Amino acid sequence: MPRSNAERKVLEAGFDPVRLPPGQYLTHTWPVLHVGSVPVAEPEEWRLRVWGEVENEVDLGLEELRALPATEVVADIHCVTRWSRFDAGFRGVRFAELARPTAAARFVVAHAVADYRANLPLAVLDDPGSLVAYEADGEPLTPDHGGPLRLVVPSRYFWKSAKWLLGLEVRADDEPGTWERLGYSNDADPWAGERYSV
């Protein structure tokens, strides 16, 4: 029995309400949210760097990235602004295909355009649903959704899924990202409702 209007709408849409984290509502669209303007991206010039606590630093162009073994993921995504979208499809590369962390590696800071940063435990980036993604729903990522390259981390609120991804810095220690420094939760678990730091 649905406990809320949001859960009732999930049931009416043909989904199990247990898929909806507390305080979220279901949307069938993919809302566009970001700080600042959408960068003008030249895919042939875009590069991804992986450095820090890794055995092999990496610097790849998009075509080199696409040549690596690809993974397709269908996952539910959840925004801190309270929308959730079910069965979002992504294609990209798992972190394990990019670099081999050293024994000291525990955290990753995603670096993106305009000095945006998002921090995650390395174990979260190793989750089966996490990707460095270049496609969404069977099409190349559009610029307003972070194209040509973004991080996708379904197990966390979507601000951790940095748009316009430029690099992954692997670290022994944690470093708060852009929103975490402004008072948002470091863990960002939608199932625990971790929107803000305590």
N, C-alpha and C. Protein backbone atom coordinates (compact mmCIF):
# COMPACT_ATOMS: atom_id res chain seq x y z
N MET A 1 0.84 -1.19 0.00
CA MET A 1 0.00 0.00 0.00
C MET A 1 0.89 1.25 0.00
N PRO A 2 0.74 2.13 -1.00
CA PRO A 2 1.57 3.35 -1.04
C PRO A 2 1.33 4.22 0.19
N ARG A 3 2.42 4.78 0.73
CA ARG A 3 2.33 5.61 1.92
C ARG A 3 2.22 7.09 1.60
N SER A 4 2.46 7.48 0.37
CA SER A 4 2.46 8.89 0.02
C SER A 4 1.92 9.06 -1.39
N ASN A 5 1.63 10.32 -1.73
CA ASN A 5 1.17 10.64 -3.08
C ASN A 5 2.25 10.29 -4.10
N ALA A 6 3.53 10.53 -3.76
CA ALA A 6 4.63 10.21 -4.67
C ALA A 6 4.68 8.71 -4.95
N GLU A 7 4.51 7.90 -3.89
CA GLU A 7 4.52 6.45 -4.08
C GLU A 7 3.31 5.99 -4.89
N ARG A 8 2.17 6.64 -4.69
CA ARG A 8 0.96 6.30 -5.44
C ARG A 8 1.19 6.55 -6.94
N LYS A 9 1.86 7.65 -7.27
CA LYS A 9 2.13 7.96 -8.68
C LYS A 9 3.12 6.96 -9.28
N VAL A 10 4.07 6.49 -8.48
CA VAL A 10 5.00 5.45 -8.96
C VAL A 10 4.24 4.18 -9.29
N LEU A 11 3.31 3.80 -8.41
CA LEU A 11 2.49 2.60 -8.63
C LEU A 11 1.62 2.77 -9.87
N GLU A 12 1.03 3.93 -10.04
CA GLU A 12 0.18 4.19 -11.21
C GLU A 12 0.99 4.14 -12.51
N ALA A 13 2.29 4.47 -12.43
CA ALA A 13 3.16 4.42 -13.61
C ALA A 13 3.64 3.00 -13.91
N GLY A 14 3.26 2.05 -13.05
CA GLY A 14 3.62 0.65 -13.29
C GLY A 14 4.91 0.20 -12.65
N PHE A 15 5.42 0.96 -11.68
CA PHE A 15 6.66 0.61 -11.00
C PHE A 15 6.39 0.25 -9.54
N ASP A 16 7.32 -0.45 -8.94
CA ASP A 16 7.25 -0.79 -7.53
C ASP A 16 7.68 0.43 -6.71
N PRO A 17 6.85 0.90 -5.80
CA PRO A 17 7.20 2.07 -5.00
C PRO A 17 8.47 1.91 -4.16
N VAL A 18 8.92 0.68 -3.91
CA VAL A 18 10.14 0.52 -3.11
C VAL A 18 11.37 1.06 -3.85
N ARG A 19 11.25 1.32 -5.15
CA ARG A 19 12.37 1.88 -5.92
C ARG A 19 12.57 3.37 -5.67
N LEU A 20 11.60 4.02 -5.03
CA LEU A 20 11.66 5.46 -4.83
C LEU A 20 12.24 5.78 -3.45
N PRO A 21 13.41 6.44 -3.39
CA PRO A 21 13.98 6.80 -2.09
C PRO A 21 13.07 7.78 -1.34
N PRO A 22 13.22 7.85 -0.02
CA PRO A 22 12.39 8.77 0.77
C PRO A 22 12.54 10.22 0.30
N GLY A 23 11.40 10.91 0.21
CA GLY A 23 11.41 12.32 -0.13
C GLY A 23 11.56 12.63 -1.61
N GLN A 24 11.57 11.59 -2.46
CA GLN A 24 11.73 11.79 -3.91
C GLN A 24 10.38 11.66 -4.61
N TYR A 25 10.31 12.16 -5.86
CA TYR A 25 9.15 11.95 -6.71
C TYR A 25 9.64 11.47 -8.08
N LEU A 26 8.81 10.70 -8.77
CA LEU A 26 9.17 10.13 -10.06
C LEU A 26 8.94 11.13 -11.19
N THR A 27 9.93 11.24 -12.08
CA THR A 27 9.76 12.00 -13.31
C THR A 27 10.11 11.09 -14.48
N HIS A 28 9.42 11.31 -15.60
CA HIS A 28 9.72 10.53 -16.80
C HIS A 28 10.66 11.29 -17.74
N THR A 29 10.93 12.56 -17.41
CA THR A 29 11.87 13.36 -18.18
C THR A 29 13.22 13.31 -17.48
N TRP A 30 14.20 13.97 -18.06
CA TRP A 30 15.50 14.09 -17.42
C TRP A 30 15.76 15.58 -17.24
N PRO A 31 15.41 16.14 -16.07
CA PRO A 31 15.59 17.57 -15.85
C PRO A 31 17.05 17.99 -16.04
N VAL A 32 17.24 19.20 -16.52
CA VAL A 32 18.58 19.74 -16.75
C VAL A 32 18.89 20.72 -15.62
N LEU A 33 19.91 20.41 -14.84
CA LEU A 33 20.33 21.26 -13.73
C LEU A 33 21.85 21.36 -13.73
N HIS A 34 22.36 22.58 -13.61
CA HIS A 34 23.79 22.78 -13.45
C HIS A 34 24.04 24.23 -13.08
N VAL A 35 25.25 24.47 -12.61
CA VAL A 35 25.66 25.83 -12.27
C VAL A 35 26.40 26.41 -13.47
N GLY A 36 26.07 27.64 -13.83
CA GLY A 36 26.76 28.28 -14.94
C GLY A 36 26.21 27.84 -16.29
N SER A 37 26.93 28.22 -17.33
CA SER A 37 26.47 27.93 -18.69
C SER A 37 27.03 26.60 -19.17
N VAL A 38 26.39 26.07 -20.19
CA VAL A 38 26.84 24.81 -20.81
C VAL A 38 28.08 25.10 -21.65
N PRO A 39 29.17 24.39 -21.40
CA PRO A 39 30.39 24.67 -22.17
C PRO A 39 30.24 24.24 -23.63
N VAL A 40 30.95 24.94 -24.48
CA VAL A 40 31.03 24.55 -25.88
C VAL A 40 32.08 23.45 -25.98
N ALA A 41 31.64 22.25 -26.29
CA ALA A 41 32.53 21.09 -26.28
C ALA A 41 32.91 20.69 -27.70
N GLU A 42 34.18 20.52 -27.93
CA GLU A 42 34.68 19.97 -29.18
C GLU A 42 35.13 18.55 -28.90
N PRO A 43 34.27 17.55 -29.19
CA PRO A 43 34.60 16.18 -28.81
C PRO A 43 35.96 15.70 -29.27
N GLU A 44 36.41 16.14 -30.43
CA GLU A 44 37.72 15.67 -30.92
C GLU A 44 38.88 16.25 -30.10
N GLU A 45 38.61 17.28 -29.31
CA GLU A 45 39.65 17.86 -28.47
C GLU A 45 39.53 17.47 -27.00
N TRP A 46 38.42 16.82 -26.64
CA TRP A 46 38.16 16.48 -25.23
C TRP A 46 39.10 15.37 -24.77
N ARG A 47 39.62 15.51 -23.56
CA ARG A 47 40.52 14.50 -23.02
C ARG A 47 40.13 14.18 -21.57
N LEU A 48 40.40 12.96 -21.17
CA LEU A 48 40.20 12.52 -19.79
C LEU A 48 41.54 12.10 -19.21
N ARG A 49 41.86 12.66 -18.07
CA ARG A 49 43.11 12.34 -17.38
C ARG A 49 42.79 11.59 -16.09
N VAL A 50 43.57 10.56 -15.76
CA VAL A 50 43.47 9.84 -14.48
C VAL A 50 44.85 9.87 -13.86
N TRP A 51 44.95 10.37 -12.62
CA TRP A 51 46.26 10.53 -12.01
C TRP A 51 46.17 10.38 -10.49
N GLY A 52 47.31 10.46 -9.84
CA GLY A 52 47.37 10.36 -8.38
C GLY A 52 47.81 8.98 -7.95
N GLU A 53 47.06 8.38 -7.05
CA GLU A 53 47.40 7.06 -6.49
C GLU A 53 47.00 5.94 -7.47
N VAL A 54 47.65 5.95 -8.63
CA VAL A 54 47.44 4.91 -9.64
C VAL A 54 48.80 4.43 -10.12
N GLU A 55 48.86 3.19 -10.55
CA GLU A 55 50.11 2.63 -11.05
C GLU A 55 50.44 3.16 -12.44
N ASN A 56 49.42 3.56 -13.17
CA ASN A 56 49.62 4.05 -14.54
C ASN A 56 48.75 5.27 -14.78
N GLU A 57 49.36 6.45 -14.84
CA GLU A 57 48.57 7.64 -15.16
C GLU A 57 48.05 7.53 -16.60
N VAL A 58 46.88 8.10 -16.83
CA VAL A 58 46.19 7.95 -18.11
C VAL A 58 45.81 9.32 -18.64
N ASP A 59 45.93 9.49 -19.95
CA ASP A 59 45.47 10.69 -20.64
C ASP A 59 44.90 10.22 -21.98
N LEU A 60 43.58 10.22 -22.10
CA LEU A 60 42.90 9.64 -23.26
C LEU A 60 42.00 10.64 -23.96
N GLY A 61 41.99 10.60 -25.28
CA GLY A 61 40.98 11.30 -26.06
C GLY A 61 39.70 10.48 -26.07
N LEU A 62 38.60 11.08 -26.54
CA LEU A 62 37.31 10.37 -26.55
C LEU A 62 37.35 9.11 -27.40
N GLU A 63 37.99 9.16 -28.54
CA GLU A 63 38.05 7.96 -29.39
C GLU A 63 38.84 6.85 -28.72
N GLU A 64 39.92 7.21 -28.02
CA GLU A 64 40.68 6.21 -27.27
C GLU A 64 39.84 5.62 -26.14
N LEU A 65 39.06 6.47 -25.50
CA LEU A 65 38.18 6.00 -24.43
C LEU A 65 37.13 5.04 -24.98
N ARG A 66 36.54 5.40 -26.11
CA ARG A 66 35.51 4.55 -26.74
C ARG A 66 36.08 3.21 -27.21
N ALA A 67 37.39 3.15 -27.43
CA ALA A 67 38.01 1.90 -27.87
C ALA A 67 38.20 0.91 -26.72
N LEU A 68 38.07 1.38 -25.48
CA LEU A 68 38.18 0.49 -24.33
C LEU A 68 36.91 -0.34 -24.19
N PRO A 69 36.98 -1.48 -23.48
CA PRO A 69 35.77 -2.29 -23.28
C PRO A 69 34.64 -1.46 -22.66
N ALA A 70 33.49 -1.47 -23.32
CA ALA A 70 32.35 -0.66 -22.89
C ALA A 70 31.38 -1.48 -22.04
N THR A 71 30.66 -0.77 -21.19
CA THR A 71 29.64 -1.37 -20.34
C THR A 71 28.36 -0.56 -20.50
N GLU A 72 27.24 -1.26 -20.54
CA GLU A 72 25.95 -0.60 -20.56
C GLU A 72 25.26 -0.84 -19.22
N VAL A 73 24.69 0.22 -18.68
CA VAL A 73 24.04 0.17 -17.38
C VAL A 73 22.64 0.78 -17.51
N VAL A 74 21.67 0.13 -16.91
CA VAL A 74 20.34 0.71 -16.77
C VAL A 74 20.12 0.87 -15.27
N ALA A 75 19.87 2.11 -14.84
CA ALA A 75 19.82 2.38 -13.41
C ALA A 75 18.81 3.48 -13.11
N ASP A 76 18.38 3.51 -11.86
CA ASP A 76 17.56 4.61 -11.37
C ASP A 76 18.50 5.72 -10.89
N ILE A 77 18.20 6.95 -11.23
CA ILE A 77 19.03 8.08 -10.81
C ILE A 77 18.19 9.04 -9.97
N HIS A 78 18.85 9.67 -9.01
CA HIS A 78 18.14 10.49 -8.03
C HIS A 78 18.86 11.81 -7.82
N CYS A 79 18.12 12.90 -7.94
CA CYS A 79 18.69 14.23 -7.77
C CYS A 79 18.37 14.76 -6.37
N VAL A 80 19.27 15.53 -5.81
CA VAL A 80 19.06 16.12 -4.49
C VAL A 80 17.87 17.07 -4.50
N THR A 81 17.48 17.57 -5.68
CA THR A 81 16.31 18.45 -5.77
C THR A 81 15.00 17.67 -5.71
N ARG A 82 15.11 16.36 -5.49
CA ARG A 82 14.00 15.44 -5.17
C ARG A 82 13.39 14.69 -6.35
N TRP A 83 13.87 14.88 -7.58
CA TRP A 83 13.34 14.04 -8.65
C TRP A 83 14.13 12.74 -8.75
N SER A 84 13.44 11.71 -9.18
CA SER A 84 14.05 10.41 -9.50
C SER A 84 13.59 9.99 -10.87
N ARG A 85 14.49 9.40 -11.63
CA ARG A 85 14.16 8.88 -12.95
C ARG A 85 14.55 7.41 -12.97
N PHE A 86 13.61 6.55 -13.33
CA PHE A 86 13.86 5.11 -13.34
C PHE A 86 14.36 4.67 -14.72
N ASP A 87 15.14 3.61 -14.71
CA ASP A 87 15.59 2.93 -15.93
C ASP A 87 16.32 3.85 -16.92
N ALA A 88 17.19 4.68 -16.41
CA ALA A 88 18.02 5.52 -17.28
C ALA A 88 19.16 4.66 -17.84
N GLY A 89 19.38 4.74 -19.12
CA GLY A 89 20.40 3.92 -19.76
C GLY A 89 21.67 4.71 -20.03
N PHE A 90 22.82 4.11 -19.72
CA PHE A 90 24.12 4.74 -19.95
C PHE A 90 25.09 3.73 -20.55
N ARG A 91 26.01 4.24 -21.35
CA ARG A 91 27.09 3.43 -21.90
C ARG A 91 28.39 4.18 -21.67
N GLY A 92 29.39 3.42 -21.25
CA GLY A 92 30.68 4.04 -20.99
C GLY A 92 31.68 3.02 -20.52
N VAL A 93 32.64 3.49 -19.74
CA VAL A 93 33.77 2.67 -19.31
C VAL A 93 33.82 2.64 -17.79
N ARG A 94 34.02 1.47 -17.25
CA ARG A 94 34.19 1.34 -15.79
C ARG A 94 35.58 1.86 -15.41
N PHE A 95 35.68 2.34 -14.18
CA PHE A 95 36.95 2.86 -13.70
C PHE A 95 38.06 1.80 -13.80
N ALA A 96 37.72 0.55 -13.54
CA ALA A 96 38.72 -0.52 -13.57
C ALA A 96 39.36 -0.68 -14.94
N GLU A 97 38.70 -0.22 -15.99
CA GLU A 97 39.27 -0.28 -17.35
C GLU A 97 40.25 0.86 -17.60
N LEU A 98 40.24 1.87 -16.73
CA LEU A 98 41.06 3.05 -16.95
C LEU A 98 42.41 2.99 -16.25
N ALA A 99 42.41 2.56 -14.99
CA ALA A 99 43.65 2.63 -14.22
C ALA A 99 43.64 1.61 -13.09
N ARG A 100 44.84 1.28 -12.64
CA ARG A 100 44.99 0.36 -11.51
C ARG A 100 45.42 1.17 -10.29
N PRO A 101 44.56 1.28 -9.26
CA PRO A 101 44.91 2.07 -8.08
C PRO A 101 46.06 1.44 -7.31
N THR A 102 46.82 2.26 -6.60
CA THR A 102 47.85 1.76 -5.70
C THR A 102 47.19 1.25 -4.42
N ALA A 103 47.97 0.63 -3.57
CA ALA A 103 47.45 0.12 -2.29
C ALA A 103 46.96 1.26 -1.39
N ALA A 104 47.48 2.45 -1.59
CA ALA A 104 47.09 3.59 -0.75
C ALA A 104 45.79 4.24 -1.19
N ALA A 105 45.29 3.92 -2.37
CA ALA A 105 44.11 4.60 -2.93
C ALA A 105 42.85 4.29 -2.13
N ARG A 106 42.13 5.36 -1.76
CA ARG A 106 40.87 5.20 -1.02
C ARG A 106 39.74 6.09 -1.56
N PHE A 107 40.11 7.17 -2.23
CA PHE A 107 39.12 8.16 -2.67
C PHE A 107 39.40 8.62 -4.09
N VAL A 108 38.38 9.21 -4.72
CA VAL A 108 38.53 9.79 -6.05
C VAL A 108 37.87 11.16 -6.04
N VAL A 109 38.54 12.13 -6.62
CA VAL A 109 37.93 13.45 -6.86
C VAL A 109 37.76 13.59 -8.36
N ALA A 110 36.52 13.76 -8.79
CA ALA A 110 36.22 14.01 -10.20
C ALA A 110 36.41 15.49 -10.48
N HIS A 111 37.18 15.82 -11.50
CA HIS A 111 37.43 17.20 -11.91
C HIS A 111 36.67 17.45 -13.22
N ALA A 112 35.99 18.59 -13.27
CA ALA A 112 35.19 18.91 -14.45
C ALA A 112 35.39 20.38 -14.83
N VAL A 113 34.70 20.77 -15.89
CA VAL A 113 34.77 22.14 -16.39
C VAL A 113 34.43 23.13 -15.27
N ALA A 114 35.03 24.31 -15.33
CA ALA A 114 34.80 25.41 -14.39
C ALA A 114 35.21 25.04 -12.97
N ASP A 115 36.21 24.16 -12.86
CA ASP A 115 36.76 23.73 -11.57
C ASP A 115 35.73 23.06 -10.67
N TYR A 116 34.68 22.47 -11.27
CA TYR A 116 33.72 21.70 -10.50
C TYR A 116 34.40 20.42 -10.03
N ARG A 117 34.13 20.04 -8.79
CA ARG A 117 34.70 18.80 -8.24
C ARG A 117 33.65 18.02 -7.48
N ALA A 118 33.75 16.70 -7.56
CA ALA A 118 32.88 15.80 -6.80
C ALA A 118 33.74 14.70 -6.21
N ASN A 119 33.62 14.46 -4.91
CA ASN A 119 34.44 13.46 -4.25
C ASN A 119 33.64 12.20 -3.94
N LEU A 120 34.32 11.07 -4.04
CA LEU A 120 33.70 9.76 -3.79
C LEU A 120 34.72 8.80 -3.21
N PRO A 121 34.27 7.87 -2.36
CA PRO A 121 35.16 6.76 -2.02
C PRO A 121 35.44 5.93 -3.27
N LEU A 122 36.64 5.43 -3.39
CA LEU A 122 37.00 4.59 -4.54
C LEU A 122 36.05 3.40 -4.65
N ALA A 123 35.63 2.83 -3.52
CA ALA A 123 34.73 1.68 -3.54
C ALA A 123 33.40 2.01 -4.23
N VAL A 124 32.93 3.26 -4.11
CA VAL A 124 31.68 3.66 -4.76
C VAL A 124 31.89 3.75 -6.27
N LEU A 125 33.04 4.26 -6.68
CA LEU A 125 33.34 4.33 -8.12
C LEU A 125 33.48 2.93 -8.72
N ASP A 126 33.83 1.96 -7.89
CA ASP A 126 33.94 0.57 -8.34
C ASP A 126 32.60 -0.16 -8.36
N ASP A 127 31.51 0.49 -7.87
CA ASP A 127 30.18 -0.14 -7.92
C ASP A 127 29.85 -0.56 -9.35
N PRO A 128 29.10 -1.66 -9.53
CA PRO A 128 28.77 -2.11 -10.88
C PRO A 128 28.04 -1.08 -11.74
N GLY A 129 27.27 -0.18 -11.14
CA GLY A 129 26.53 0.80 -11.92
C GLY A 129 27.28 2.06 -12.27
N SER A 130 28.47 2.25 -11.68
CA SER A 130 29.22 3.50 -11.90
C SER A 130 30.02 3.43 -13.19
N LEU A 131 29.98 4.54 -13.95
CA LEU A 131 30.64 4.60 -15.25
C LEU A 131 31.21 5.98 -15.53
N VAL A 132 32.22 6.01 -16.37
CA VAL A 132 32.58 7.22 -17.09
C VAL A 132 31.79 7.11 -18.39
N ALA A 133 30.72 7.89 -18.51
CA ALA A 133 29.74 7.68 -19.58
C ALA A 133 29.87 8.67 -20.71
N TYR A 134 29.66 8.16 -21.93
CA TYR A 134 29.65 9.01 -23.12
C TYR A 134 28.34 8.87 -23.91
N GLU A 135 27.44 7.98 -23.46
CA GLU A 135 26.12 7.86 -24.08
C GLU A 135 25.05 7.77 -22.99
N ALA A 136 23.86 8.27 -23.33
CA ALA A 136 22.69 8.15 -22.46
C ALA A 136 21.50 7.78 -23.32
N ASP A 137 20.78 6.75 -22.89
CA ASP A 137 19.59 6.29 -23.61
C ASP A 137 19.87 6.03 -25.09
N GLY A 138 21.04 5.46 -25.38
CA GLY A 138 21.38 5.03 -26.72
C GLY A 138 21.92 6.11 -27.64
N GLU A 139 22.11 7.32 -27.13
CA GLU A 139 22.60 8.42 -27.94
C GLU A 139 23.82 9.05 -27.26
N PRO A 140 24.69 9.73 -28.04
CA PRO A 140 25.79 10.46 -27.39
C PRO A 140 25.23 11.45 -26.37
N LEU A 141 25.92 11.59 -25.25
CA LEU A 141 25.50 12.56 -24.23
C LEU A 141 25.41 13.95 -24.84
N THR A 142 24.30 14.62 -24.63
CA THR A 142 24.17 15.98 -25.11
C THR A 142 24.91 16.92 -24.15
N PRO A 143 25.33 18.09 -24.63
CA PRO A 143 26.04 19.01 -23.76
C PRO A 143 25.28 19.39 -22.49
N ASP A 144 23.95 19.58 -22.58
CA ASP A 144 23.22 19.99 -21.38
C ASP A 144 23.14 18.88 -20.34
N HIS A 145 23.39 17.64 -20.73
CA HIS A 145 23.44 16.54 -19.77
C HIS A 145 24.88 16.10 -19.46
N GLY A 146 25.84 16.96 -19.81
CA GLY A 146 27.22 16.68 -19.42
C GLY A 146 28.11 16.17 -20.52
N GLY A 147 27.58 16.09 -21.76
CA GLY A 147 28.38 15.60 -22.86
C GLY A 147 29.49 16.56 -23.23
N PRO A 148 30.58 16.00 -23.71
CA PRO A 148 30.68 14.64 -24.25
C PRO A 148 31.00 13.56 -23.22
N LEU A 149 31.29 13.92 -21.96
CA LEU A 149 31.72 12.91 -20.99
C LEU A 149 31.29 13.31 -19.59
N ARG A 150 30.69 12.36 -18.88
CA ARG A 150 30.29 12.63 -17.50
C ARG A 150 30.49 11.38 -16.66
N LEU A 151 30.55 11.59 -15.37
CA LEU A 151 30.56 10.49 -14.42
C LEU A 151 29.11 10.10 -14.15
N VAL A 152 28.84 8.83 -13.97
CA VAL A 152 27.51 8.35 -13.60
C VAL A 152 27.68 7.46 -12.37
N VAL A 153 27.07 7.90 -11.26
CA VAL A 153 27.16 7.16 -9.99
C VAL A 153 25.74 7.03 -9.44
N PRO A 154 24.98 6.02 -9.88
CA PRO A 154 23.57 5.90 -9.48
C PRO A 154 23.35 5.71 -7.98
N SER A 155 24.33 5.21 -7.25
CA SER A 155 24.13 4.95 -5.83
C SER A 155 24.21 6.21 -4.97
N ARG A 156 24.46 7.36 -5.57
CA ARG A 156 24.56 8.62 -4.85
C ARG A 156 23.67 9.67 -5.53
N TYR A 157 23.30 10.71 -4.77
CA TYR A 157 22.60 11.81 -5.42
C TYR A 157 23.42 12.26 -6.62
N PHE A 158 22.73 12.76 -7.63
CA PHE A 158 23.36 12.91 -8.94
C PHE A 158 24.35 14.07 -9.03
N TRP A 159 24.48 14.90 -7.99
CA TRP A 159 25.53 15.93 -8.06
C TRP A 159 26.91 15.29 -8.01
N LYS A 160 26.98 14.04 -7.51
CA LYS A 160 28.25 13.32 -7.49
C LYS A 160 28.64 12.84 -8.90
N SER A 161 27.69 12.83 -9.82
CA SER A 161 27.93 12.38 -11.20
C SER A 161 28.35 13.58 -12.05
N ALA A 162 29.58 14.00 -11.87
CA ALA A 162 30.07 15.25 -12.46
C ALA A 162 29.89 15.31 -13.97
N LYS A 163 29.26 16.40 -14.42
CA LYS A 163 29.12 16.67 -15.85
C LYS A 163 30.44 17.19 -16.41
N TRP A 164 30.61 17.09 -17.72
CA TRP A 164 31.76 17.66 -18.44
C TRP A 164 33.08 17.24 -17.79
N LEU A 165 33.20 15.93 -17.60
CA LEU A 165 34.31 15.34 -16.86
C LEU A 165 35.63 15.51 -17.61
N LEU A 166 36.64 15.99 -16.88
CA LEU A 166 37.99 16.17 -17.42
C LEU A 166 39.02 15.24 -16.79
N GLY A 167 38.78 14.83 -15.54
CA GLY A 167 39.79 14.01 -14.89
C GLY A 167 39.30 13.35 -13.63
N LEU A 168 40.02 12.29 -13.25
CA LEU A 168 39.78 11.57 -12.00
C LEU A 168 41.09 11.52 -11.23
N GLU A 169 41.09 12.18 -10.09
CA GLU A 169 42.27 12.21 -9.23
C GLU A 169 42.08 11.18 -8.12
N VAL A 170 42.93 10.16 -8.11
CA VAL A 170 42.83 9.09 -7.12
C VAL A 170 43.70 9.47 -5.93
N ARG A 171 43.12 9.40 -4.73
CA ARG A 171 43.79 9.92 -3.54
C ARG A 171 43.78 8.93 -2.38
N ALA A 172 44.72 9.11 -1.47
CA ALA A 172 44.74 8.33 -0.23
C ALA A 172 43.77 8.94 0.78
N ASP A 173 43.57 10.27 0.70
CA ASP A 173 42.69 10.97 1.63
C ASP A 173 41.53 11.62 0.87
N ASP A 174 40.48 11.94 1.62
CA ASP A 174 39.30 12.54 1.01
C ASP A 174 39.49 14.05 0.89
N GLU A 175 38.84 14.64 -0.09
CA GLU A 175 38.83 16.09 -0.26
C GLU A 175 37.44 16.49 -0.69
N PRO A 176 36.73 17.32 0.11
CA PRO A 176 35.36 17.70 -0.24
C PRO A 176 35.29 18.34 -1.62
N GLY A 177 34.20 18.05 -2.32
CA GLY A 177 33.98 18.60 -3.64
C GLY A 177 33.28 19.95 -3.57
N THR A 178 32.81 20.44 -4.70
CA THR A 178 32.20 21.76 -4.81
C THR A 178 30.99 21.91 -3.89
N TRP A 179 30.02 21.01 -3.99
CA TRP A 179 28.81 21.13 -3.18
C TRP A 179 29.05 20.75 -1.73
N GLU A 180 29.97 19.84 -1.49
CA GLU A 180 30.28 19.45 -0.11
C GLU A 180 30.87 20.63 0.67
N ARG A 181 31.67 21.46 0.01
CA ARG A 181 32.23 22.64 0.67
C ARG A 181 31.15 23.68 0.96
N LEU A 182 30.01 23.57 0.30
CA LEU A 182 28.90 24.50 0.51
C LEU A 182 27.84 23.94 1.47
N GLY A 183 28.15 22.81 2.11
CA GLY A 183 27.26 22.28 3.13
C GLY A 183 26.44 21.06 2.75
N TYR A 184 26.66 20.53 1.56
CA TYR A 184 25.95 19.31 1.17
C TYR A 184 26.65 18.08 1.75
N SER A 185 25.92 16.99 1.85
CA SER A 185 26.44 15.77 2.47
C SER A 185 27.66 15.23 1.74
N ASN A 186 28.60 14.74 2.48
CA ASN A 186 29.77 14.12 1.87
C ASN A 186 29.41 12.75 1.28
N ASP A 187 28.46 12.06 1.91
CA ASP A 187 28.11 10.70 1.47
C ASP A 187 27.04 10.70 0.39
N ALA A 188 26.03 11.55 0.51
CA ALA A 188 25.01 11.75 -0.54
C ALA A 188 24.24 10.48 -0.90
N ASP A 189 23.91 9.67 0.10
CA ASP A 189 23.15 8.44 -0.13
C ASP A 189 21.66 8.77 -0.19
N PRO A 190 21.01 8.60 -1.36
CA PRO A 190 19.59 8.96 -1.45
C PRO A 190 18.69 8.11 -0.57
N TRP A 191 19.08 6.88 -0.28
CA TRP A 191 18.25 6.01 0.54
C TRP A 191 18.28 6.41 2.01
N ALA A 192 19.32 7.13 2.39
CA ALA A 192 19.40 7.66 3.76
C ALA A 192 19.00 9.13 3.80
N GLY A 193 18.61 9.71 2.65
CA GLY A 193 18.21 11.10 2.61
C GLY A 193 19.34 12.06 2.97
N GLU A 194 20.58 11.70 2.62
CA GLU A 194 21.74 12.48 3.01
C GLU A 194 21.96 13.65 2.05
N ARG A 195 21.15 14.67 2.21
CA ARG A 195 21.24 15.86 1.35
C ARG A 195 22.26 16.86 1.86
N TYR A 196 22.27 17.09 3.16
CA TYR A 196 23.12 18.13 3.74
C TYR A 196 23.99 17.55 4.84
N SER A 197 25.12 18.21 5.08
CA SER A 197 25.97 17.80 6.19
C SER A 197 25.28 18.19 7.50
N VAL A 198 25.58 17.45 8.54
CA VAL A 198 24.91 17.69 9.83
C VAL A 198 25.65 18.75 10.61
